[in-house]
Amino acid sequence: MYILCFTDSIEQTKKGIITNENYFHLYFTVIKMSSNCSGNCSSCSSDCKDRDMTLRQNEQSNIKKIYAVISGKGGVGKSSVTCMLAAAMRKAGKKVAVLDADVTGPSVPKMFGITEKATAEGNLLNPAVTRSGIKVMSVNLLLETDETPVVWRGPVISGVIQQFFTEVKWGDVDYMFIDMPPGTGDVSLTVFQSIKVDGIIVVTTAQDLVSMIVAKAVNMAKMMNVPIVGLIENMSWFECPDCGKKHYIFGESKLSAVASSHGLDVLASLPINTKTPAYADKGMIEEADLGEFAGVVAKLL
């Protein structure tokens, strides 16, 4: 296990203290908790499988349901789907939070129009809050500028995500959505091993790769013992504003057949809406058309 601390001095890093000035000066220390771990469980005498690795919420947090939004590849609009799903759930009257686990490509604050940096209260960080009241924590809220690159190795990124869960003052949250990075790497392993996730939502597009992508997600879910809530197909079609005809730019959808083969539900098929990117670019994703998410919200409630 690794621990990463955000702080403004090396000495405070050693003490594990989180502090804040005008902005966070970013220092980090990685502490390997088990120096003898080779990563090969077959050659290890430690009985780790019986050890509870689940992180516990701090006393200032009460998160009831947690859903991870994943995709097998990049470029499918996973982050925008996560933000719009959170906005739709908030519109349904629920207390909502988004944990941006896509550390090297954090776009969530931009879509919500969040520009202020995170602040600290005691040893906990305060999440940013969107116009409609969605709580957000992202690495971009800690960096000096939005354009500062995150060039970190996997263990450091995993430590950040763990601290986002345990060292943020989330308060009362009915639904938390974790925006996962693409693929099934270190971050996925960290989240599903250390955070009690209630379900996975898979975002994909209408391409021939969909069967492979969904199969990878299903196999990962089985390995991590986390249920898949269902599939969302993004950019399914484009409706011509002149004639109203649907055009399947990425080809006819194969999602229903793939979902059926794995015993999964298709939660939504989202069209290409030219207004959605404009809302995201302006930081007004909460104002986008959320009608297509009604079925997803109903499934989660």
C-alpha atoms as a PDB file:
ATOM      1  CA  MET A   1       0.000   0.000   0.000  1.00  0.00           C
ATOM      2  CA  TYR A   2       1.219   3.520  -0.769  1.00  0.00           C
ATOM      3  CA  ILE A   3       0.440   6.859   0.847  1.00  0.00           C
ATOM      4  CA  LEU A   4       0.721  10.228  -0.890  1.00  0.00           C
ATOM      5  CA  CYS A   5       0.429  13.508   0.965  1.00  0.00           C
ATOM      6  CA  PHE A   6      -0.351  16.939  -0.470  1.00  0.00           C
ATOM      7  CA  THR A   7       1.251  19.648   1.636  1.00  0.00           C
ATOM      8  CA  ASP A   8       3.393  22.773   1.552  1.00  0.00           C
ATOM      9  CA  SER A   9       6.468  21.466   3.307  1.00  0.00           C
ATOM     10  CA  ILE A  10       8.513  18.310   3.440  1.00  0.00           C
ATOM     11  CA  GLU A  11       8.298  18.187   7.232  1.00  0.00           C
ATOM     12  CA  GLN A  12       4.518  18.302   7.170  1.00  0.00           C
ATOM     13  CA  THR A  13       4.530  15.637   4.475  1.00  0.00           C
ATOM     14  CA  LYS A  14       6.322  13.319   6.891  1.00  0.00           C
ATOM     15  CA  LYS A  15       3.644  14.030   9.484  1.00  0.00           C
ATOM     16  CA  GLY A  16       0.838  13.460   6.987  1.00  0.00           C
ATOM     17  CA  ILE A  17      -0.632  16.939   7.446  1.00  0.00           C
ATOM     18  CA  ILE A  18      -2.685  18.586   4.684  1.00  0.00           C
ATOM     19  CA  THR A  19      -2.442  22.372   4.580  1.00  0.00           C
ATOM     20  CA  ASN A  20      -3.466  25.145   2.220  1.00  0.00           C
ATOM     21  CA  GLU A  21      -2.172  28.580   1.255  1.00  0.00           C
ATOM     22  CA  ASN A  22      -3.242  30.576  -1.785  1.00  0.00           C
ATOM     23  CA  TYR A  23      -2.794  27.372  -3.731  1.00  0.00           C
ATOM     24  CA  PHE A  24      -1.295  24.000  -2.989  1.00  0.00           C
ATOM     25  CA  HIS A  25       2.441  23.632  -3.459  1.00  0.00           C
ATOM     26  CA  LEU A  26       2.654  20.031  -4.471  1.00  0.00           C
ATOM     27  CA  TYR A  27       5.134  17.797  -2.754  1.00  0.00           C
ATOM     28  CA  PHE A  28       4.724  14.096  -2.449  1.00  0.00           C
ATOM     29  CA  THR A  29       6.221  11.225  -0.598  1.00  0.00           C
ATOM     30  CA  VAL A  30       5.548   7.616  -1.384  1.00  0.00           C
ATOM     31  CA  ILE A  31       5.740   5.243   1.543  1.00  0.00           C
ATOM     32  CA  LYS A  32       5.811   1.581   0.672  1.00  0.00           C
ATOM     33  CA  MET A  33       4.050  -0.157   3.527  1.00  0.00           C
ATOM     34  CA  SER A  34       5.436  -3.602   2.754  1.00  0.00           C
ATOM     35  CA  SER A  35       9.049  -3.481   1.562  1.00  0.00           C
ATOM     36  CA  ASN A  36       9.175  -7.269   1.133  1.00  0.00           C
ATOM     37  CA  CYS A  37       6.240  -7.485  -1.263  1.00  0.00           C
ATOM     38  CA  SER A  38       7.344  -8.744  -4.694  1.00  0.00           C
ATOM     39  CA  GLY A  39       3.868  -8.644  -6.210  1.00  0.00           C
ATOM     40  CA  ASN A  40       3.938 -12.422  -6.651  1.00  0.00           C
ATOM     41  CA  CYS A  41       1.332 -13.764  -4.266  1.00  0.00           C
ATOM     42  CA  SER A  42       2.223 -17.400  -5.005  1.00  0.00           C
ATOM     43  CA  SER A  43       5.653 -16.974  -3.399  1.00  0.00           C
ATOM     44  CA  CYS A  44       4.427 -15.030  -0.384  1.00  0.00           C
ATOM     45  CA  SER A  45       3.814 -16.482   3.074  1.00  0.00           C
ATOM     46  CA  SER A  46       1.611 -13.592   4.218  1.00  0.00           C
ATOM     47  CA  ASP A  47      -2.089 -14.351   4.453  1.00  0.00           C
ATOM     48  CA  CYS A  48      -3.242 -11.143   2.725  1.00  0.00           C
ATOM     49  CA  LYS A  49      -6.450 -12.583   1.312  1.00  0.00           C
ATOM     50  CA  ASP A  50      -8.041 -12.537   4.763  1.00  0.00           C
ATOM     51  CA  ARG A  51      -6.994  -8.956   5.393  1.00  0.00           C
ATOM     52  CA  ASP A  52      -9.653  -6.267   4.946  1.00  0.00           C
ATOM     53  CA  MET A  53      -8.186  -3.727   2.512  1.00  0.00           C
ATOM     54  CA  THR A  54     -11.340  -1.600   2.334  1.00  0.00           C
ATOM     55  CA  LEU A  55     -10.797   2.047   3.223  1.00  0.00           C
ATOM     56  CA  ARG A  56     -13.052   3.523   5.858  1.00  0.00           C
ATOM     57  CA  GLN A  57     -14.788   6.856   5.485  1.00  0.00           C
ATOM     58  CA  ASN A  58     -13.697   9.639   7.808  1.00  0.00           C
ATOM     59  CA  GLU A  59     -16.011  10.970  10.511  1.00  0.00           C
ATOM     60  CA  GLN A  60     -17.003  13.929   8.329  1.00  0.00           C
ATOM     61  CA  SER A  61     -18.257  11.729   5.466  1.00  0.00           C
ATOM     62  CA  ASN A  62     -21.371   9.617   5.019  1.00  0.00           C
ATOM     63  CA  ILE A  63     -21.432   8.201   1.500  1.00  0.00           C
ATOM     64  CA  LYS A  64     -24.296   5.764   0.967  1.00  0.00           C
ATOM     65  CA  LYS A  65     -23.853   4.462  -2.598  1.00  0.00           C
ATOM     66  CA  ILE A  66     -20.751   4.433  -4.813  1.00  0.00           C
ATOM     67  CA  TYR A  67     -20.711   3.688  -8.545  1.00  0.00           C
ATOM     68  CA  ALA A  68     -17.640   3.544 -10.764  1.00  0.00           C
ATOM     69  CA  VAL A  69     -18.007   4.693 -14.382  1.00  0.00           C
ATOM     70  CA  ILE A  70     -15.504   2.878 -16.600  1.00  0.00           C
ATOM     71  CA  SER A  71     -14.607   2.424 -20.257  1.00  0.00           C
ATOM     72  CA  GLY A  72     -12.390  -0.118 -21.947  1.00  0.00           C
ATOM     73  CA  LYS A  73     -10.791   2.550 -24.144  1.00  0.00           C
ATOM     74  CA  GLY A  74     -10.429   6.302 -24.277  1.00  0.00           C
ATOM     75  CA  GLY A  75     -12.408   8.697 -26.429  1.00  0.00           C
ATOM     76  CA  VAL A  76     -15.873   7.333 -25.715  1.00  0.00           C
ATOM     77  CA  GLY A  77     -17.055  10.310 -23.643  1.00  0.00           C
ATOM     78  CA  LYS A  78     -16.852   8.575 -20.269  1.00  0.00           C
ATOM     79  CA  SER A  79     -16.154  11.739 -18.262  1.00  0.00           C
ATOM     80  CA  SER A  80     -18.992  13.686 -19.870  1.00  0.00           C
ATOM     81  CA  VAL A  81     -21.337  10.750 -19.222  1.00  0.00           C
ATOM     82  CA  THR A  82     -20.195  10.683 -15.584  1.00  0.00           C
ATOM     83  CA  CYS A  83     -20.852  14.413 -15.164  1.00  0.00           C
ATOM     84  CA  MET A  84     -24.244  14.275 -16.866  1.00  0.00           C
ATOM     85  CA  LEU A  85     -25.263  11.231 -14.836  1.00  0.00           C
ATOM     86  CA  ALA A  86     -24.302  13.071 -11.655  1.00  0.00           C
ATOM     87  CA  ALA A  87     -26.280  16.113 -12.808  1.00  0.00           C
ATOM     88  CA  ALA A  88     -29.323  13.961 -13.595  1.00  0.00           C
ATOM     89  CA  MET A  89     -29.155  12.318 -10.177  1.00  0.00           C
ATOM     90  CA  ARG A  90     -28.845  15.730  -8.550  1.00  0.00           C
ATOM     91  CA  LYS A  91     -31.869  16.893 -10.529  1.00  0.00           C
ATOM     92  CA  ALA A  92     -33.746  13.940  -9.027  1.00  0.00           C
ATOM     93  CA  GLY A  93     -33.191  15.549  -5.622  1.00  0.00           C
ATOM     94  CA  LYS A  94     -30.296  13.435  -4.373  1.00  0.00           C
ATOM     95  CA  LYS A  95     -27.069  14.556  -2.707  1.00  0.00           C
ATOM     96  CA  VAL A  96     -24.364  13.766  -5.248  1.00  0.00           C
ATOM     97  CA  ALA A  97     -20.567  13.728  -5.418  1.00  0.00           C
ATOM     98  CA  VAL A  98     -18.014  13.038  -8.161  1.00  0.00           C
ATOM     99  CA  LEU A  99     -14.556  11.668  -7.366  1.00  0.00           C
ATOM    100  CA  ASP A 100     -12.330  12.295 -10.384  1.00  0.00           C
ATOM    101  CA  ALA A 101     -10.064   9.241 -10.478  1.00  0.00           C
ATOM    102  CA  ASP A 102      -8.883  10.014 -14.011  1.00  0.00           C
ATOM    103  CA  VAL A 103      -5.847  11.685 -12.460  1.00  0.00           C
ATOM    104  CA  THR A 104      -3.740  12.129 -15.587  1.00  0.00           C
ATOM    105  CA  GLY A 105      -6.686  13.480 -17.609  1.00  0.00           C
ATOM    106  CA  PRO A 106      -8.886  15.331 -15.108  1.00  0.00           C
ATOM    107  CA  SER A 107     -11.662  17.036 -17.095  1.00  0.00           C
ATOM    108  CA  VAL A 108     -14.470  16.977 -14.514  1.00  0.00           C
ATOM    109  CA  PRO A 109     -13.818  20.438 -12.962  1.00  0.00           C
ATOM    110  CA  LYS A 110     -13.716  22.030 -16.433  1.00  0.00           C
ATOM    111  CA  MET A 111     -17.096  20.585 -17.402  1.00  0.00           C
ATOM    112  CA  PHE A 112     -18.678  21.832 -14.194  1.00  0.00           C
ATOM    113  CA  GLY A 113     -17.099  25.279 -14.508  1.00  0.00           C
ATOM    114  CA  ILE A 114     -15.069  24.915 -11.307  1.00  0.00           C
ATOM    115  CA  THR A 115     -12.100  27.271 -11.242  1.00  0.00           C
ATOM    116  CA  GLU A 116     -11.307  27.728  -7.544  1.00  0.00           C
ATOM    117  CA  LYS A 117      -8.715  25.572  -5.807  1.00  0.00           C
ATOM    118  CA  ALA A 118      -9.443  23.155  -2.990  1.00  0.00           C
ATOM    119  CA  THR A 119      -9.239  24.427   0.580  1.00  0.00           C
ATOM    120  CA  ALA A 120      -8.433  22.559   3.756  1.00  0.00           C
ATOM    121  CA  GLU A 121     -10.211  22.336   7.082  1.00  0.00           C
ATOM    122  CA  GLY A 122      -8.042  20.757   9.739  1.00  0.00           C
ATOM    123  CA  ASN A 123      -6.639  17.556   8.252  1.00  0.00           C
ATOM    124  CA  LEU A 124      -9.325  17.245   5.581  1.00  0.00           C
ATOM    125  CA  LEU A 125      -9.829  18.807   2.163  1.00  0.00           C
ATOM    126  CA  ASN A 126     -13.096  20.512   1.286  1.00  0.00           C
ATOM    127  CA  PRO A 127     -14.558  19.425  -2.055  1.00  0.00           C
ATOM    128  CA  ALA A 128     -15.552  22.038  -4.621  1.00  0.00           C
ATOM    129  CA  VAL A 129     -19.289  22.472  -5.134  1.00  0.00           C
ATOM    130  CA  THR A 130     -21.000  23.016  -8.489  1.00  0.00           C
ATOM    131  CA  ARG A 131     -23.860  25.398  -9.206  1.00  0.00           C
ATOM    132  CA  SER A 132     -26.471  22.729  -8.497  1.00  0.00           C
ATOM    133  CA  GLY A 133     -24.715  21.427  -5.377  1.00  0.00           C
ATOM    134  CA  ILE A 134     -22.641  18.485  -6.666  1.00  0.00           C
ATOM    135  CA  LYS A 135     -19.479  17.940  -4.624  1.00  0.00           C
ATOM    136  CA  VAL A 136     -16.310  17.391  -6.671  1.00  0.00           C
ATOM    137  CA  MET A 137     -12.730  16.434  -5.885  1.00  0.00           C
ATOM    138  CA  SER A 138     -10.103  16.307  -8.616  1.00  0.00           C
ATOM    139  CA  VAL A 139      -6.334  16.642  -8.844  1.00  0.00           C
ATOM    140  CA  ASN A 140      -6.878  19.791 -10.923  1.00  0.00           C
ATOM    141  CA  LEU A 141      -8.208  21.446  -7.764  1.00  0.00           C
ATOM    142  CA  LEU A 142      -4.782  20.952  -6.194  1.00  0.00           C
ATOM    143  CA  LEU A 143      -2.429  21.857  -9.026  1.00  0.00           C
ATOM    144  CA  GLU A 144      -1.085  25.366  -9.505  1.00  0.00           C
ATOM    145  CA  THR A 145      -2.714  25.665 -12.929  1.00  0.00           C
ATOM    146  CA  ASP A 146      -5.110  23.551 -14.978  1.00  0.00           C
ATOM    147  CA  GLU A 147      -2.347  23.010 -17.513  1.00  0.00           C
ATOM    148  CA  THR A 148       0.158  21.589 -15.022  1.00  0.00           C
ATOM    149  CA  PRO A 149       0.852  18.017 -16.201  1.00  0.00           C
ATOM    150  CA  VAL A 150       0.488  15.043 -13.886  1.00  0.00           C
ATOM    151  CA  VAL A 151       3.556  12.906 -14.610  1.00  0.00           C
ATOM    152  CA  TRP A 152       3.341  10.322 -11.855  1.00  0.00           C
ATOM    153  CA  ARG A 153       3.830   6.587 -11.630  1.00  0.00           C
ATOM    154  CA  GLY A 154       0.956   4.229 -10.882  1.00  0.00           C
ATOM    155  CA  PRO A 155       1.543   3.843  -7.114  1.00  0.00           C
ATOM    156  CA  VAL A 156       1.528   7.617  -6.635  1.00  0.00           C
ATOM    157  CA  ILE A 157      -1.718   7.998  -8.596  1.00  0.00           C
ATOM    158  CA  SER A 158      -3.268   5.182  -6.562  1.00  0.00           C
ATOM    159  CA  GLY A 159      -2.266   6.951  -3.347  1.00  0.00           C
ATOM    160  CA  VAL A 160      -3.931  10.167  -4.510  1.00  0.00           C
ATOM    161  CA  ILE A 161      -7.225   8.397  -5.173  1.00  0.00           C
ATOM    162  CA  GLN A 162      -7.174   6.715  -1.790  1.00  0.00           C
ATOM    163  CA  GLN A 163      -6.631  10.074  -0.113  1.00  0.00           C
ATOM    164  CA  PHE A 164      -9.413  11.649  -2.158  1.00  0.00           C
ATOM    165  CA  PHE A 165     -11.726   9.093  -0.581  1.00  0.00           C
ATOM    166  CA  THR A 166     -10.461   9.136   3.007  1.00  0.00           C
ATOM    167  CA  GLU A 167      -9.147  12.700   3.450  1.00  0.00           C
ATOM    168  CA  VAL A 168     -11.929  14.772   1.897  1.00  0.00           C
ATOM    169  CA  LYS A 169     -14.823  16.160   3.917  1.00  0.00           C
ATOM    170  CA  TRP A 170     -17.591  14.712   1.744  1.00  0.00           C
ATOM    171  CA  GLY A 171     -20.418  15.188   4.243  1.00  0.00           C
ATOM    172  CA  ASP A 172     -23.740  13.473   3.500  1.00  0.00           C
ATOM    173  CA  VAL A 173     -23.753  11.959   0.004  1.00  0.00           C
ATOM    174  CA  ASP A 174     -26.501   9.731  -1.393  1.00  0.00           C
ATOM    175  CA  TYR A 175     -24.640   8.828  -4.591  1.00  0.00           C
ATOM    176  CA  MET A 176     -20.950   9.122  -5.430  1.00  0.00           C
ATOM    177  CA  PHE A 177     -19.786   8.558  -9.006  1.00  0.00           C
ATOM    178  CA  ILE A 178     -16.114   7.749  -9.580  1.00  0.00           C
ATOM    179  CA  ASP A 179     -14.842   8.821 -12.990  1.00  0.00           C
ATOM    180  CA  MET A 180     -12.313   6.092 -13.747  1.00  0.00           C
ATOM    181  CA  PRO A 181      -9.462   6.343 -16.255  1.00  0.00           C
ATOM    182  CA  PRO A 182      -9.781   4.219 -19.418  1.00  0.00           C
ATOM    183  CA  GLY A 183      -8.713   0.594 -19.279  1.00  0.00           C
ATOM    184  CA  THR A 184      -8.129  -1.847 -16.441  1.00  0.00           C
ATOM    185  CA  GLY A 185      -4.823  -0.749 -14.906  1.00  0.00           C
ATOM    186  CA  ASP A 186      -3.487   0.277 -11.504  1.00  0.00           C
ATOM    187  CA  VAL A 187      -6.263   2.738 -10.719  1.00  0.00           C
ATOM    188  CA  SER A 188      -9.023   0.194 -11.323  1.00  0.00           C
ATOM    189  CA  LEU A 189      -7.274  -2.276  -9.058  1.00  0.00           C
ATOM    190  CA  THR A 190      -6.836   0.364  -6.341  1.00  0.00           C
ATOM    191  CA  VAL A 191     -10.454   1.536  -6.454  1.00  0.00           C
ATOM    192  CA  PHE A 192     -12.075  -1.897  -6.477  1.00  0.00           C
ATOM    193  CA  GLN A 193      -9.788  -3.295  -3.784  1.00  0.00           C
ATOM    194  CA  SER A 194      -9.849  -0.330  -1.409  1.00  0.00           C
ATOM    195  CA  ILE A 195     -13.261   1.304  -1.925  1.00  0.00           C
ATOM    196  CA  LYS A 196     -16.544  -0.511  -1.398  1.00  0.00           C
ATOM    197  CA  VAL A 197     -18.094   0.061  -4.839  1.00  0.00           C
ATOM    198  CA  ASP A 198     -21.766  -0.846  -5.212  1.00  0.00           C
ATOM    199  CA  GLY A 199     -21.621  -1.266  -8.963  1.00  0.00           C
ATOM    200  CA  ILE A 200     -19.899  -0.554 -12.273  1.00  0.00           C
ATOM    201  CA  ILE A 201     -21.370   1.379 -15.211  1.00  0.00           C
ATOM    202  CA  VAL A 202     -19.631   0.667 -18.526  1.00  0.00           C
ATOM    203  CA  VAL A 203     -19.543   3.380 -21.219  1.00  0.00           C
ATOM    204  CA  THR A 204     -18.836   2.381 -24.812  1.00  0.00           C
ATOM    205  CA  THR A 205     -19.601   3.386 -28.406  1.00  0.00           C
ATOM    206  CA  ALA A 206     -21.139   1.579 -31.374  1.00  0.00           C
ATOM    207  CA  GLN A 207     -17.974  -0.019 -32.757  1.00  0.00           C
ATOM    208  CA  ASP A 208     -16.845  -3.554 -33.503  1.00  0.00           C
ATOM    209  CA  LEU A 209     -14.592  -3.291 -30.456  1.00  0.00           C
ATOM    210  CA  VAL A 210     -17.619  -3.197 -28.157  1.00  0.00           C
ATOM    211  CA  SER A 211     -17.710  -6.978 -27.614  1.00  0.00           C
ATOM    212  CA  MET A 212     -14.053  -7.048 -26.525  1.00  0.00           C
ATOM    213  CA  ILE A 213     -14.435  -3.953 -24.343  1.00  0.00           C
ATOM    214  CA  VAL A 214     -17.500  -5.288 -22.551  1.00  0.00           C
ATOM    215  CA  ALA A 215     -15.875  -8.712 -22.121  1.00  0.00           C
ATOM    216  CA  LYS A 216     -12.851  -7.082 -20.446  1.00  0.00           C
ATOM    217  CA  ALA A 217     -15.140  -5.117 -18.114  1.00  0.00           C
ATOM    218  CA  VAL A 218     -17.141  -8.222 -17.243  1.00  0.00           C
ATOM    219  CA  ASN A 219     -14.018 -10.251 -16.501  1.00  0.00           C
ATOM    220  CA  MET A 220     -12.558  -7.476 -14.366  1.00  0.00           C
ATOM    221  CA  ALA A 221     -15.814  -7.149 -12.442  1.00  0.00           C
ATOM    222  CA  LYS A 222     -15.796 -10.876 -11.742  1.00  0.00           C
ATOM    223  CA  MET A 223     -12.180 -10.749 -10.568  1.00  0.00           C
ATOM    224  CA  MET A 224     -12.926  -7.814  -8.262  1.00  0.00           C
ATOM    225  CA  ASN A 225     -16.314  -9.229  -7.185  1.00  0.00           C
ATOM    226  CA  VAL A 226     -18.127  -6.012  -8.143  1.00  0.00           C
ATOM    227  CA  PRO A 227     -21.495  -6.156  -9.957  1.00  0.00           C
ATOM    228  CA  ILE A 228     -22.032  -4.424 -13.306  1.00  0.00           C
ATOM    229  CA  VAL A 229     -25.150  -2.256 -13.216  1.00  0.00           C
ATOM    230  CA  GLY A 230     -25.338  -2.013 -16.997  1.00  0.00           C
ATOM    231  CA  LEU A 231     -24.001  -0.496 -20.197  1.00  0.00           C
ATOM    232  CA  ILE A 232     -24.321   2.980 -21.687  1.00  0.00           C
ATOM    233  CA  GLU A 233     -23.686   3.432 -25.383  1.00  0.00           C
ATOM    234  CA  ASN A 234     -22.530   6.954 -26.125  1.00  0.00           C
ATOM    235  CA  MET A 235     -22.633   8.639 -29.540  1.00  0.00           C
ATOM    236  CA  SER A 236     -25.018   5.970 -30.823  1.00  0.00           C
ATOM    237  CA  TRP A 237     -26.448   8.011 -33.672  1.00  0.00           C
ATOM    238  CA  PHE A 238     -26.816  11.490 -35.079  1.00  0.00           C
ATOM    239  CA  GLU A 239     -30.220  12.894 -36.003  1.00  0.00           C
ATOM    240  CA  CYS A 240     -30.196  15.251 -38.978  1.00  0.00           C
ATOM    241  CA  PRO A 241     -31.722  18.596 -37.907  1.00  0.00           C
ATOM    242  CA  ASP A 242     -33.142  19.101 -41.416  1.00  0.00           C
ATOM    243  CA  CYS A 243     -34.818  15.787 -42.243  1.00  0.00           C
ATOM    244  CA  GLY A 244     -34.888  14.060 -38.848  1.00  0.00           C
ATOM    245  CA  LYS A 245     -33.224  10.918 -40.212  1.00  0.00           C
ATOM    246  CA  LYS A 246     -30.910   8.989 -37.907  1.00  0.00           C
ATOM    247  CA  HIS A 247     -27.365   8.394 -39.114  1.00  0.00           C
ATOM    248  CA  TYR A 248     -25.260   5.699 -37.426  1.00  0.00           C
ATOM    249  CA  ILE A 249     -21.828   7.263 -37.799  1.00  0.00           C
ATOM    250  CA  PHE A 250     -19.979   4.493 -35.954  1.00  0.00           C
ATOM    251  CA  GLY A 251     -22.108   1.762 -37.505  1.00  0.00           C
ATOM    252  CA  GLU A 252     -25.265   0.019 -36.340  1.00  0.00           C
ATOM    253  CA  SER A 253     -25.285  -0.719 -32.621  1.00  0.00           C
ATOM    254  CA  LYS A 254     -24.349  -4.222 -31.503  1.00  0.00           C
ATOM    255  CA  LEU A 255     -24.709  -3.427 -27.822  1.00  0.00           C
ATOM    256  CA  SER A 256     -28.025  -5.211 -27.217  1.00  0.00           C
ATOM    257  CA  ALA A 257     -26.655  -8.498 -28.513  1.00  0.00           C
ATOM    258  CA  VAL A 258     -23.413  -8.126 -26.561  1.00  0.00           C
ATOM    259  CA  ALA A 259     -25.266  -7.159 -23.377  1.00  0.00           C
ATOM    260  CA  SER A 260     -27.611 -10.125 -23.758  1.00  0.00           C
ATOM    261  CA  SER A 261     -24.703 -12.533 -24.167  1.00  0.00           C
ATOM    262  CA  HIS A 262     -23.353 -11.414 -20.784  1.00  0.00           C
ATOM    263  CA  GLY A 263     -26.732 -11.074 -19.070  1.00  0.00           C
ATOM    264  CA  LEU A 264     -26.364  -7.293 -18.729  1.00  0.00           C
ATOM    265  CA  ASP A 265     -28.801  -4.392 -19.096  1.00  0.00           C
ATOM    266  CA  VAL A 266     -28.470  -1.592 -21.632  1.00  0.00           C
ATOM    267  CA  LEU A 267     -29.075   1.469 -19.467  1.00  0.00           C
ATOM    268  CA  ALA A 268     -29.111   4.063 -22.253  1.00  0.00           C
ATOM    269  CA  SER A 269     -28.172   4.744 -25.869  1.00  0.00           C
ATOM    270  CA  LEU A 270     -27.111   8.371 -26.110  1.00  0.00           C
ATOM    271  CA  PRO A 271     -27.254  10.283 -29.406  1.00  0.00           C
ATOM    272  CA  ILE A 272     -24.605  12.674 -30.678  1.00  0.00           C
ATOM    273  CA  ASN A 273     -25.854  16.048 -29.476  1.00  0.00           C
ATOM    274  CA  THR A 274     -23.823  18.962 -30.810  1.00  0.00           C
ATOM    275  CA  LYS A 275     -24.946  21.111 -27.872  1.00  0.00           C
ATOM    276  CA  THR A 276     -23.398  18.836 -25.250  1.00  0.00           C
ATOM    277  CA  PRO A 277     -19.726  19.623 -26.059  1.00  0.00           C
ATOM    278  CA  ALA A 278     -20.588  23.322 -26.063  1.00  0.00           C
ATOM    279  CA  TYR A 279     -22.071  23.058 -22.568  1.00  0.00           C
ATOM    280  CA  ALA A 280     -18.998  21.122 -21.390  1.00  0.00           C
ATOM    281  CA  ASP A 281     -16.574  23.667 -22.872  1.00  0.00           C
ATOM    282  CA  LYS A 282     -18.428  26.490 -21.131  1.00  0.00           C
ATOM    283  CA  GLY A 283     -18.452  24.665 -17.781  1.00  0.00           C
ATOM    284  CA  MET A 284     -22.232  24.308 -17.928  1.00  0.00           C
ATOM    285  CA  ILE A 285     -22.655  20.544 -18.302  1.00  0.00           C
ATOM    286  CA  GLU A 286     -25.467  20.648 -15.738  1.00  0.00           C
ATOM    287  CA  GLU A 287     -27.525  22.642 -18.266  1.00  0.00           C
ATOM    288  CA  ALA A 288     -27.247  19.952 -20.976  1.00  0.00           C
ATOM    289  CA  ASP A 289     -30.196  17.803 -22.036  1.00  0.00           C
ATOM    290  CA  LEU A 290     -30.382  15.081 -19.390  1.00  0.00           C
ATOM    291  CA  GLY A 291     -33.547  13.359 -20.583  1.00  0.00           C
ATOM    292  CA  GLU A 292     -31.704  10.291 -21.871  1.00  0.00           C
ATOM    293  CA  PHE A 293     -30.413   9.598 -18.343  1.00  0.00           C
ATOM    294  CA  ALA A 294     -33.869   9.149 -16.793  1.00  0.00           C
ATOM    295  CA  GLY A 295     -33.706   5.374 -17.181  1.00  0.00           C
ATOM    296  CA  VAL A 296     -30.223   5.202 -15.653  1.00  0.00           C
ATOM    297  CA  VAL A 297     -31.294   7.243 -12.652  1.00  0.00           C
ATOM    298  CA  ALA A 298     -34.403   5.096 -12.195  1.00  0.00           C
ATOM    299  CA  LYS A 299     -32.225   1.976 -12.243  1.00  0.00           C
ATOM    300  CA  LEU A 300     -29.946   3.339  -9.495  1.00  0.00           C
ATOM    301  CA  LEU A 301     -32.679   4.729  -7.228  1.00  0.00           C
END
